[in-house]
Each structure stands twice: as C-alpha cells, then as structure tokens.
Amino acid sequence: MQLKPKFLTFCVLFFLPITVFASLPPLPPPVPIVPAPPTLAAKSYLLIDFLSDAIIAQQDIDQHLEPASLTKMMTAFVIDQSIKDGKAKLTDLVHISQKAWHAPGSRMFLEVNTEIPLEDLLRGIIIQSGNDASIAVAEHIAGDESTFAELMNYYAQQLGMTNTHFVNVTGLPHPNHYSSAKDMALLAKALIRHFPESYKIYSEKEFTYKNIKQINRNRLLWRNELVDGIKTGHTDTAGYCLVASGQKNGMRLIAVVMGAKTDEIRVEETNKLLTYGFRFYETRKLYPAGTSLKQSRIWMGTEKQINLGLKDDLYITIGQGQYERLKAIVNVDKEIKAPTTEGAVLGSLKVQVEDKLIIERPIVALHPVASGGFLSRTYDRLALSVQTLWEKITVQ
C-alpha cells in the first residue's frame, strides 16, 4: 500500500515535536546558591542576625563615624534602664528647661517651663527625634546632659560598644562624639531584647503632640512590610544613617547603614540589605540550652555518668537549602574526673557544612558531680590505669 503525501505530512508534523521534546535532558536538581552580598553606596554598613549574631554583610563596621540621631537609641536605652531600675516612671512629669526648649535641630516643639509626661517625651525622642525632648529627659534623670552622657557611655561599655563615645544625648556634631555600624547593631539588639515593650514604639508611624503631627522618619515602615523599627539619623557632616530591623518566619535581621548621601539612598540601601538577608539566608535553632547532647564517663565521682550540653541556645544562620547538609561533631575531653561543677567546659561542639566550619561552641557539664568516697576513687584510679595501659598496647 502506498501512503498518500498528505498522510505523510500529518505524521511528520504530529510526531516530530514529541521526538524533539523527548530528547531534552531532565532539569537538574535545585542547587543552593548564595550570591555575594550587594555593595552599598554608604560609608559603612552591616547586616546581622538577631538570634545567632551571624554577620551576613559588612563594610568598615568598626570605623568611627558620626551617629547623628542614632544617638537617641542610647538615650532611649538609658531611659528604659532607669525605669527598669525604679529610678524613673513613665508617668513622671518632666520639667522643660530653657536649654531644652532652645535645643536646635529636630524638635518636639515643647514649651518652656511646662511639665510633660515622660511617656510622651519618650515617643517624641523615638518617633519625632526631638532634641528638646532628649535634653529634657536627660536633665530629669541625671541632672544635666553631660552627666546623662556618662550613663550612656557606661552602658555602651557594658554592651561591648568598643568604638563608641557619647558627648550629648541628641547626636549633634562634636569631635569626640562617635560610634560605628557594629556598635549601633549591638545597641539595637539590646533594645529589642531587653525592652520589647518600648521597642514597639519604634514601629509607630506618627506621633501628635500639641496638635503638631510628625511622621516617623524611618520610611521603611511603609516600604517594607517586614520592618518594625528602629531609628534614623542625619546631620550635614554625618550624612544619612539608618538602623532597621524586621522579621520573617522567626528570623530577625538588623541592618545598619551609615554615611549615605541622601535620605532616599539610605532607605534603598538598607532595604537591599534586608531583602538580601531574608531571600538567601535562614536561621535555625539547632539545640536548646541545658539539653543533654552526650553522656560521658566521669571518674572518681559520686556518679558514673555526666550529662554534657550547651550553656545557651544554639542558633545558626546559613544559606537557604544548606540545613540538610549540616554535620554536628561533639568532641569530649578524654578523661573527665570529679569533682566538677555545673557549667565546667568539658569539650566542644562543631557544626560544619561539608568541611567548612560554621560555628563552634563549648560543651559544658549540665550538673555538678562531687568526689566519690575513698573506695570508689581507689577503684576508679585502678580502672583508669588499666584502661590507659590497654589503649597503649592496642595502639602499638
């Protein structure tokens, strides 16, 4: 039988695509890719994870720079700490002095010789960046601004802010008033951790005092739905600065940008950092504090076994898709002898992705073990000697 030309054409057109598509190779499995972080138009910047302290992106994070009104984060910290210590209350009426009323720069527009609740002034400092409110509160808590600045420096030292020195509560330029991106991140972390109720104020988009409504200068509160704080800063010499924090799926990031040339640049660059971190990284809680990761033999004690674990919760920040490739290695001291105290370091935990070390933490005793009795100690010494001898023989 002879096939007709039309039938042959139909067969070619119908079956050819199937043949072509069937020859395509299968799609490769997805490979976790973490591209290099963006380079920002700023003097200094930093992106860290709140829980793990992992640095995701950085540039010149220890450089001494003018913090401008980022200073008011520490002003607010001292206020919160004073309230916590019972030395001030949100209901305190704060007298507005001539100096506070006459403060230059951003203002809450306070009236001289009036008395304002501390809670209103705290909002004026955080949301409106009021220099007048900052000075008034400093005088209320410490007597004058310079004494309050001493408190700021004390707490800066306690928080590990080694590249910071404060001269005033406003952030107005002074040769000896400086901080760094790393220190601003430490301060933001402390505010979020220790004063969560006050931190909620940083997310408020506006504050009205005496019929004067002022908008929060942190425009990321409108632009990025993940952002819930924290503070802006600007002077002609400092440029435009921004500390911002947000969270997604249990992961909180803190971004710091210092020395941008315009307000729009600081917003865009900070948003780049946060977008990069949330897109390409994830934070996992690997082990909770106090959980036994290993039991080990303890010699010459009242107990034969000791539980070993971590003193603090262990969080890790890794590239997305790397979790399944993690490997945990527990190394314990070869000979553990009583007595030992709770918290004594007796080994280490290393977490790796393939052969790359991600994090290392000490393994500690989770409970104390006292010395055993004379007979028990004597028996363990003998058993330990025999074990040591046997190990030497088997190695040879």
Protein backbone atom coordinates (compact mmCIF):
# COMPACT_ATOMS: atom_id res chain seq x y z
CA MET A 1 0.00 0.00 0.00
CA GLN A 2 1.34 3.42 -0.91
CA LEU A 3 0.97 6.22 1.63
CA LYS A 4 -0.54 9.42 0.40
CA PRO A 5 1.57 12.62 0.64
CA LYS A 6 -0.98 14.35 2.88
CA PHE A 7 -0.85 11.46 5.37
CA LEU A 8 2.96 11.56 5.44
CA THR A 9 2.93 15.31 6.14
CA PHE A 10 0.48 14.79 9.01
CA CYS A 11 2.70 12.14 10.58
CA VAL A 12 5.79 14.35 10.40
CA LEU A 13 4.05 17.37 11.95
CA PHE A 14 2.36 15.35 14.66
CA PHE A 15 5.22 13.13 15.81
CA LEU A 16 8.19 15.47 15.31
CA PRO A 17 7.54 17.69 18.36
CA ILE A 18 7.23 14.63 20.55
CA THR A 19 10.57 13.37 19.33
CA VAL A 20 12.25 16.75 19.88
CA PHE A 21 10.91 17.34 23.39
CA ALA A 22 11.63 13.79 24.46
CA SER A 23 15.28 14.35 23.64
CA LEU A 24 15.69 17.26 26.06
CA PRO A 25 17.72 16.42 29.20
CA PRO A 26 15.89 16.46 32.54
CA LEU A 27 16.10 19.58 34.70
CA PRO A 28 18.93 19.40 37.24
CA PRO A 29 18.00 19.40 40.93
CA PRO A 30 18.00 22.83 42.57
CA VAL A 31 21.38 23.79 44.00
CA PRO A 32 21.53 26.16 46.98
CA ILE A 33 23.16 29.34 45.69
CA VAL A 34 24.09 32.24 47.97
CA PRO A 35 25.35 35.11 45.83
CA ALA A 36 27.73 37.73 47.17
CA PRO A 37 26.03 40.49 49.18
CA PRO A 38 25.29 43.80 47.48
CA THR A 39 27.79 46.64 47.62
CA LEU A 40 26.12 49.72 49.06
CA ALA A 41 26.54 53.44 48.50
CA ALA A 42 27.41 54.24 52.12
CA LYS A 43 30.50 54.78 54.26
CA SER A 44 29.76 51.77 56.45
CA TYR A 45 27.10 49.09 56.70
CA LEU A 46 26.28 45.85 58.48
CA LEU A 47 23.66 43.11 58.36
CA ILE A 48 23.45 40.66 61.28
CA ASP A 49 21.06 38.02 62.52
CA PHE A 50 19.49 38.85 65.88
CA LEU A 51 19.50 35.32 67.30
CA SER A 52 22.77 33.88 66.00
CA ASP A 53 24.85 37.09 65.80
CA ALA A 54 25.99 35.91 62.36
CA ILE A 55 27.32 38.67 60.12
CA ILE A 56 25.72 38.37 56.68
CA ALA A 57 27.13 41.52 55.03
CA GLN A 58 29.57 44.17 56.18
CA GLN A 59 31.83 47.05 55.26
CA ASP A 60 34.08 49.04 57.63
CA ILE A 61 31.91 48.11 60.61
CA ASP A 62 34.43 49.36 63.20
CA GLN A 63 35.05 52.73 61.56
CA HIS A 64 34.42 55.72 63.83
CA LEU A 65 31.57 57.74 62.34
CA GLU A 66 29.11 60.37 63.50
CA PRO A 67 25.92 58.59 64.52
CA ALA A 68 23.75 61.73 64.34
CA SER A 69 20.31 60.94 65.79
CA LEU A 70 21.07 57.24 66.02
CA THR A 71 22.45 58.53 69.33
CA LYS A 72 18.89 58.71 70.59
CA MET A 73 18.75 54.91 70.60
CA MET A 74 21.14 55.05 73.55
CA THR A 75 19.23 57.98 75.05
CA ALA A 76 16.12 55.78 74.98
CA PHE A 77 18.10 52.81 76.33
CA VAL A 78 19.16 54.78 79.41
CA ILE A 79 15.56 55.92 79.92
CA ASP A 80 14.32 52.32 79.73
CA GLN A 81 17.05 51.14 82.08
CA SER A 82 16.22 53.91 84.56
CA ILE A 83 12.57 52.85 84.53
CA LYS A 84 13.57 49.22 84.99
CA ASP A 85 15.76 50.18 87.96
CA GLY A 86 12.91 52.12 89.57
CA LYS A 87 14.64 55.50 89.17
CA ALA A 88 12.02 56.88 86.79
CA LYS A 89 8.43 56.19 85.75
CA LEU A 90 6.58 56.75 82.51
CA THR A 91 4.12 58.87 84.48
CA ASP A 92 6.83 61.24 85.73
CA LEU A 93 6.19 64.88 84.89
CA VAL A 94 9.34 66.28 83.31
CA HIS A 95 10.13 70.00 83.56
CA ILE A 96 11.07 71.68 80.28
CA SER A 97 14.04 73.94 80.89
CA GLN A 98 15.22 76.90 78.87
CA LYS A 99 18.06 74.78 77.46
CA ALA A 100 15.71 72.00 76.35
CA TRP A 101 13.24 74.45 74.83
CA HIS A 102 16.04 76.21 72.94
CA ALA A 103 17.59 72.99 71.52
CA PRO A 104 18.45 73.28 67.80
CA GLY A 105 17.64 70.72 65.14
CA SER A 106 14.67 68.32 65.09
CA ARG A 107 12.15 69.17 67.76
CA MET A 108 9.03 68.02 69.55
CA PHE A 109 8.11 71.72 69.93
CA LEU A 110 7.95 71.72 73.72
CA GLU A 111 7.10 74.89 75.61
CA VAL A 112 9.49 76.26 78.24
CA ASN A 113 8.54 75.83 81.92
CA THR A 114 5.85 73.24 81.18
CA GLU A 115 5.71 69.71 82.60
CA ILE A 116 5.31 66.81 80.21
CA PRO A 117 4.79 63.10 81.00
CA LEU A 118 7.93 61.05 80.42
CA GLU A 119 5.97 58.64 78.22
CA ASP A 120 5.15 61.45 75.77
CA LEU A 121 8.77 62.57 75.73
CA LEU A 122 9.95 59.02 75.01
CA ARG A 123 7.70 58.96 71.95
CA GLY A 124 8.96 62.38 70.97
CA ILE A 125 12.54 61.08 71.12
CA ILE A 126 11.90 57.86 69.20
CA ILE A 127 9.32 58.93 66.61
CA GLN A 128 9.94 62.67 66.20
CA SER A 129 13.67 62.56 67.03
CA GLY A 130 13.15 65.53 69.32
CA ASN A 131 16.34 67.16 70.57
CA ASP A 132 14.32 69.22 73.03
CA ALA A 133 12.71 66.06 74.46
CA SER A 134 16.10 64.33 74.73
CA ILE A 135 17.66 67.16 76.73
CA ALA A 136 14.61 67.49 78.99
CA VAL A 137 14.68 63.80 79.89
CA ALA A 138 18.45 63.85 80.44
CA GLU A 139 18.04 66.71 82.94
CA HIS A 140 15.17 64.89 84.64
CA ILE A 141 17.05 61.62 85.12
CA ALA A 142 20.65 62.77 85.64
CA GLY A 143 20.50 66.48 86.47
CA ASP A 144 22.18 67.65 83.28
CA GLU A 145 23.07 66.45 79.80
CA SER A 146 26.75 65.77 80.44
CA THR A 147 26.02 63.55 83.44
CA PHE A 148 23.42 61.65 81.42
CA ALA A 149 26.06 61.19 78.68
CA GLU A 150 28.27 59.49 81.28
CA LEU A 151 25.48 56.97 81.84
CA MET A 152 25.27 56.45 78.08
CA ASN A 153 29.00 55.68 77.93
CA TYR A 154 28.75 53.33 80.90
CA TYR A 155 26.03 51.27 79.23
CA ALA A 156 27.91 51.38 75.92
CA GLN A 157 30.85 49.71 77.65
CA GLN A 158 28.58 47.11 79.25
CA LEU A 159 27.13 46.25 75.83
CA GLY A 160 30.58 45.85 74.26
CA MET A 161 30.36 49.01 72.15
CA THR A 162 34.13 49.48 71.95
CA ASN A 163 34.09 52.04 69.13
CA THR A 164 31.64 54.46 70.72
CA HIS A 165 31.82 57.60 72.81
CA PHE A 166 28.92 59.92 73.55
CA VAL A 167 29.15 63.61 74.46
CA ASN A 168 25.48 64.55 74.15
CA VAL A 169 22.02 63.00 74.00
CA THR A 170 20.99 64.42 70.63
CA GLY A 171 23.70 63.39 68.20
CA LEU A 172 24.60 66.96 67.27
CA PRO A 173 28.16 67.04 65.85
CA HIS A 174 31.10 67.02 68.27
CA PRO A 175 34.69 65.86 67.60
CA ASN A 176 34.52 63.34 70.46
CA HIS A 177 31.03 62.02 69.69
CA TYR A 178 31.22 58.90 67.52
CA SER A 179 30.11 55.32 67.05
CA SER A 180 30.27 52.54 64.45
CA ALA A 181 27.95 50.31 62.45
CA LYS A 182 28.87 47.31 64.62
CA ASP A 183 28.14 49.20 67.84
CA MET A 184 24.82 50.51 66.55
CA ALA A 185 23.80 46.93 65.75
CA LEU A 186 24.75 45.85 69.27
CA LEU A 187 22.64 48.66 70.70
CA ALA A 188 19.66 47.82 68.50
CA LYS A 189 19.90 44.20 69.57
CA ALA A 190 19.95 45.20 73.26
CA LEU A 191 16.89 47.43 72.85
CA ILE A 192 14.91 44.69 71.11
CA ARG A 193 15.93 42.00 73.60
CA HIS A 194 15.73 43.85 76.92
CA PHE A 195 12.93 46.36 76.31
CA PRO A 196 10.40 44.74 73.95
CA GLU A 197 7.52 46.95 75.11
CA SER A 198 9.43 50.16 74.41
CA TYR A 199 10.66 48.71 71.12
CA LYS A 200 7.05 48.69 69.89
CA ILE A 201 7.19 52.50 69.84
CA TYR A 202 9.79 52.34 67.05
CA SER A 203 7.15 50.86 64.75
CA GLU A 204 4.67 53.71 65.29
CA LYS A 205 4.42 55.74 62.09
CA GLU A 206 3.44 59.08 63.61
CA PHE A 207 3.06 60.98 66.85
CA THR A 208 0.98 64.08 67.53
CA TYR A 209 1.86 66.50 70.33
CA LYS A 210 0.04 69.82 70.85
CA ASN A 211 -1.79 69.29 67.53
CA ILE A 212 1.53 69.00 65.71
CA LYS A 213 1.67 65.67 63.88
CA GLN A 214 5.11 64.44 62.87
CA ILE A 215 5.85 61.36 60.77
CA ASN A 216 8.37 58.70 61.71
CA ARG A 217 11.44 59.34 59.53
CA ASN A 218 12.03 55.59 59.06
CA ARG A 219 10.33 55.26 55.68
CA LEU A 220 10.98 51.53 55.56
CA LEU A 221 7.99 51.18 57.90
CA TRP A 222 5.87 51.95 54.83
CA ARG A 223 8.07 50.41 52.14
CA ASN A 224 8.94 47.01 53.64
CA GLU A 225 6.19 45.14 55.48
CA LEU A 226 8.75 43.06 57.39
CA VAL A 227 10.32 46.11 59.07
CA ASP A 228 9.16 47.02 62.60
CA GLY A 229 11.83 49.63 63.67
CA ILE A 230 14.15 51.28 64.52
CA LYS A 231 15.85 54.78 64.02
CA THR A 232 17.17 57.31 61.53
CA GLY A 233 19.87 59.94 61.86
CA HIS A 234 21.14 62.88 59.82
CA THR A 235 23.45 65.86 60.02
CA ASP A 236 25.36 67.61 57.25
CA THR A 237 28.62 66.05 58.41
CA ALA A 238 27.28 62.56 59.29
CA GLY A 239 25.23 62.12 56.17
CA TYR A 240 22.11 59.96 56.29
CA CYS A 241 22.06 56.98 58.66
CA LEU A 242 19.50 54.27 59.33
CA VAL A 243 19.21 51.29 61.65
CA ALA A 244 16.34 49.00 60.65
CA SER A 245 15.09 45.65 61.88
CA GLY A 246 12.49 43.23 60.65
CA GLN A 247 11.49 39.60 60.95
CA LYS A 248 10.23 36.80 58.75
CA ASN A 249 9.45 33.19 59.63
CA GLY A 250 11.09 33.51 63.05
CA MET A 251 14.24 35.12 61.62
CA ARG A 252 15.04 38.69 62.74
CA LEU A 253 17.67 40.76 60.96
CA ILE A 254 19.27 44.08 61.95
CA ALA A 255 20.66 46.34 59.23
CA VAL A 256 22.82 49.42 59.77
CA VAL A 257 23.69 51.95 57.08
CA MET A 258 25.84 54.99 57.94
CA GLY A 259 27.01 57.88 55.81
CA ALA A 260 24.67 57.70 52.83
CA LYS A 261 24.39 60.86 50.69
CA THR A 262 20.59 61.23 50.69
CA ASP A 263 17.52 60.03 52.54
CA GLU A 264 16.41 58.02 49.52
CA ILE A 265 19.80 56.31 49.24
CA ARG A 266 19.82 55.25 52.90
CA VAL A 267 16.32 53.79 52.53
CA GLU A 268 17.14 51.96 49.30
CA GLU A 269 20.46 50.60 50.54
CA THR A 270 19.05 49.42 53.86
CA ASN A 271 16.21 47.73 52.03
CA LYS A 272 18.76 45.97 49.80
CA LEU A 273 20.48 44.50 52.84
CA LEU A 274 17.28 43.23 54.42
CA THR A 275 15.95 41.82 51.14
CA TYR A 276 19.23 40.01 50.52
CA GLY A 277 19.31 38.51 54.02
CA PHE A 278 15.73 37.27 54.02
CA ARG A 279 15.97 35.94 50.46
CA PHE A 280 19.17 33.92 50.72
CA TYR A 281 19.56 33.01 54.41
CA GLU A 282 17.68 31.23 57.15
CA THR A 283 18.19 30.92 60.91
CA ARG A 284 17.61 27.64 62.71
CA LYS A 285 17.64 26.70 66.37
CA LEU A 286 19.85 23.63 66.50
CA TYR A 287 20.00 22.82 70.21
CA PRO A 288 18.33 24.35 73.26
CA ALA A 289 20.34 25.23 76.33
CA GLY A 290 20.52 22.55 79.02
CA THR A 291 19.66 19.64 76.73
CA SER A 292 21.96 16.64 77.08
CA LEU A 293 23.85 16.13 73.84
CA LYS A 294 26.08 13.39 75.18
CA GLN A 295 26.64 11.28 78.29
CA SER A 296 30.24 10.66 79.21
CA ARG A 297 32.07 8.57 81.79
CA ILE A 298 33.24 10.53 84.81
CA TRP A 299 35.87 9.06 87.10
CA MET A 300 36.22 9.17 90.90
CA GLY A 301 32.85 10.78 91.45
CA THR A 302 29.57 10.04 93.19
CA GLU A 303 28.11 9.32 89.72
CA LYS A 304 29.47 7.25 86.85
CA GLN A 305 27.99 9.34 84.03
CA ILE A 306 27.76 13.07 83.43
CA ASN A 307 25.40 14.84 81.04
CA LEU A 308 27.01 17.31 78.65
CA GLY A 309 25.34 20.05 76.64
CA LEU A 310 25.26 23.78 75.84
CA LYS A 311 25.06 26.67 78.24
CA ASP A 312 22.98 28.78 75.83
CA ASP A 313 20.57 28.09 72.99
CA LEU A 314 22.43 27.49 69.75
CA TYR A 315 21.11 29.33 66.70
CA ILE A 316 22.79 29.14 63.34
CA THR A 317 22.37 31.29 60.23
CA ILE A 318 23.08 29.51 56.96
CA GLY A 319 22.33 29.83 53.28
CA GLN A 320 18.88 28.62 52.39
CA GLY A 321 18.93 24.97 51.41
CA GLN A 322 22.03 24.12 53.44
CA TYR A 323 20.29 22.78 56.54
CA GLU A 324 20.20 19.17 55.31
CA ARG A 325 23.96 19.31 54.71
CA LEU A 326 24.86 20.30 58.27
CA LYS A 327 27.00 17.96 60.35
CA ALA A 328 27.45 18.27 64.13
CA ILE A 329 30.60 16.89 65.76
CA VAL A 330 30.86 16.56 69.55
CA ASN A 331 34.38 16.30 70.99
CA VAL A 332 34.63 15.46 74.70
CA ASP A 333 37.68 15.54 76.98
CA LYS A 334 39.33 12.14 77.09
CA GLU A 335 39.34 11.85 80.88
CA ILE A 336 36.73 13.63 82.99
CA LYS A 337 37.37 13.47 86.70
CA ALA A 338 35.30 14.52 89.70
CA PRO A 339 34.75 16.89 91.30
CA THR A 340 33.29 19.06 88.55
CA THR A 341 30.90 21.99 88.68
CA GLU A 342 27.86 22.78 86.59
CA GLY A 343 28.97 24.80 83.58
CA ALA A 344 32.55 23.45 83.54
CA VAL A 345 33.85 23.26 79.96
CA LEU A 346 34.49 19.61 79.07
CA GLY A 347 34.54 19.59 75.29
CA SER A 348 33.31 21.33 72.16
CA LEU A 349 30.58 21.18 69.54
CA LYS A 350 31.46 21.93 65.93
CA VAL A 351 28.85 22.46 63.22
CA GLN A 352 30.04 22.09 59.64
CA VAL A 353 28.68 22.22 56.12
CA GLU A 354 30.79 19.55 54.44
CA ASP A 355 34.33 20.52 55.54
CA LYS A 356 33.61 24.18 56.28
CA LEU A 357 33.32 25.07 59.96
CA ILE A 358 30.22 27.21 60.55
CA ILE A 359 30.23 27.58 64.31
CA GLU A 360 31.94 26.15 67.39
CA ARG A 361 30.65 26.23 70.96
CA PRO A 362 31.95 24.80 74.27
CA ILE A 363 30.30 21.70 75.70
CA VAL A 364 29.70 22.04 79.44
CA ALA A 365 28.66 19.92 82.40
CA LEU A 366 24.91 20.21 82.89
CA HIS A 367 25.12 19.26 86.57
CA PRO A 368 27.78 19.05 89.28
CA VAL A 369 29.39 15.77 90.30
CA ALA A 370 31.10 15.57 93.69
CA SER A 371 34.08 13.42 94.57
CA GLY A 372 33.25 9.82 95.46
CA GLY A 373 34.29 8.01 98.62
CA PHE A 374 37.76 6.62 99.25
CA LEU A 375 36.98 3.12 97.94
CA SER A 376 35.20 4.46 94.89
CA ARG A 377 38.06 6.78 94.00
CA THR A 378 40.63 3.99 94.53
CA TYR A 379 38.70 1.60 92.29
CA ASP A 380 38.35 4.24 89.54
CA ARG A 381 42.06 5.08 89.66
CA LEU A 382 42.89 1.41 89.15
CA ALA A 383 40.31 1.01 86.37
CA LEU A 384 41.55 4.17 84.66
CA SER A 385 45.17 2.93 84.83
CA VAL A 386 44.21 -0.41 83.30
CA GLN A 387 42.25 1.35 80.54
CA THR A 388 45.16 3.66 79.76
CA LEU A 389 47.59 0.72 79.62
CA TRP A 390 45.28 -1.24 77.34
CA GLU A 391 44.95 1.71 74.97
CA LYS A 392 48.75 1.94 74.71
CA ILE A 393 49.04 -1.77 73.95
CA THR A 394 46.35 -1.72 71.26
CA VAL A 395 47.87 1.35 69.61
CA GLN A 396 51.28 -0.37 69.41
